[in-house]
Amino acid sequence: MTNNNNKWGINLDEVKCPDCGEKQPALRIPKNLEQLVHGGWNCEKCGCKMDKHGNKIIE
């Protein structure tokens, strides 16, 4: 079971983009320091930024 409020730790669950539903790759290339340290993606399909649990990041 994952804790969606925890920045630390590992999420091994499949993650889909909260905007378009696109499955995110298991292997990722971090786009910034936050993603490098805590995980997360920028959706290749729509550009949505999300954390390692698939929660949208609003800046």
Protein backbone atom coordinates (compact mmCIF):
# COMPACT_ATOMS: atom_id res chain seq x y z
CA MET A 1 0.00 0.00 0.00
CA THR A 2 1.37 3.42 -0.92
CA ASN A 3 1.02 6.63 1.02
CA ASN A 4 0.02 9.36 -1.45
CA ASN A 5 1.10 12.09 0.98
CA ASN A 6 4.65 10.83 1.37
CA LYS A 7 7.35 12.37 -0.85
CA TRP A 8 9.87 9.79 0.32
CA GLY A 9 9.73 6.10 -0.44
CA ILE A 10 9.01 4.17 -3.61
CA ASN A 11 5.84 3.77 -5.65
CA LEU A 12 5.85 0.53 -7.65
CA ASP A 13 2.24 0.92 -8.82
CA GLU A 14 1.34 1.80 -12.41
CA VAL A 15 0.84 5.55 -12.81
CA LYS A 16 -1.47 7.21 -15.32
CA CYS A 17 -1.69 10.89 -16.17
CA PRO A 18 -4.49 12.57 -14.20
CA ASP A 19 -5.41 14.74 -17.23
CA CYS A 20 -5.33 12.39 -20.24
CA GLY A 21 -4.97 8.90 -18.69
CA GLU A 22 -1.74 8.08 -20.55
CA LYS A 23 0.27 5.32 -18.81
CA GLN A 24 3.60 6.67 -17.58
CA PRO A 25 6.80 4.71 -18.26
CA ALA A 26 8.41 2.70 -15.45
CA LEU A 27 11.79 4.16 -16.41
CA ARG A 28 11.83 7.92 -16.47
CA ILE A 29 14.22 10.77 -17.15
CA PRO A 30 13.83 13.47 -14.48
CA LYS A 31 13.06 16.93 -15.91
CA ASN A 32 14.10 18.86 -12.78
CA LEU A 33 15.69 18.48 -9.34
CA GLU A 34 12.33 17.77 -7.65
CA GLN A 35 11.70 14.82 -9.98
CA LEU A 36 15.25 13.59 -9.51
CA VAL A 37 14.94 13.56 -5.72
CA HIS A 38 11.27 12.66 -5.17
CA GLY A 39 10.13 11.10 -8.46
CA GLY A 40 7.40 12.17 -10.84
CA TRP A 41 6.74 12.73 -14.52
CA ASN A 42 5.85 15.22 -17.20
CA CYS A 43 3.30 13.45 -19.42
CA GLU A 44 4.73 13.04 -22.92
CA LYS A 45 1.21 13.20 -24.42
CA CYS A 46 -0.26 16.33 -22.77
CA GLY A 47 2.57 17.86 -20.69
CA CYS A 48 0.84 17.47 -17.31
CA LYS A 49 3.22 17.48 -14.34
CA MET A 50 2.55 14.82 -11.70
CA ASP A 51 4.16 13.33 -8.63
CA LYS A 52 5.24 9.70 -8.33
CA HIS A 53 1.71 8.70 -7.31
CA GLY A 54 0.06 10.33 -10.35
CA ASN A 55 -1.27 13.36 -8.47
CA LYS A 56 -1.28 16.52 -10.62
CA ILE A 57 1.24 19.18 -9.59
CA ILE A 58 -0.13 22.70 -9.94
CA GLU A 59 2.51 25.40 -9.96
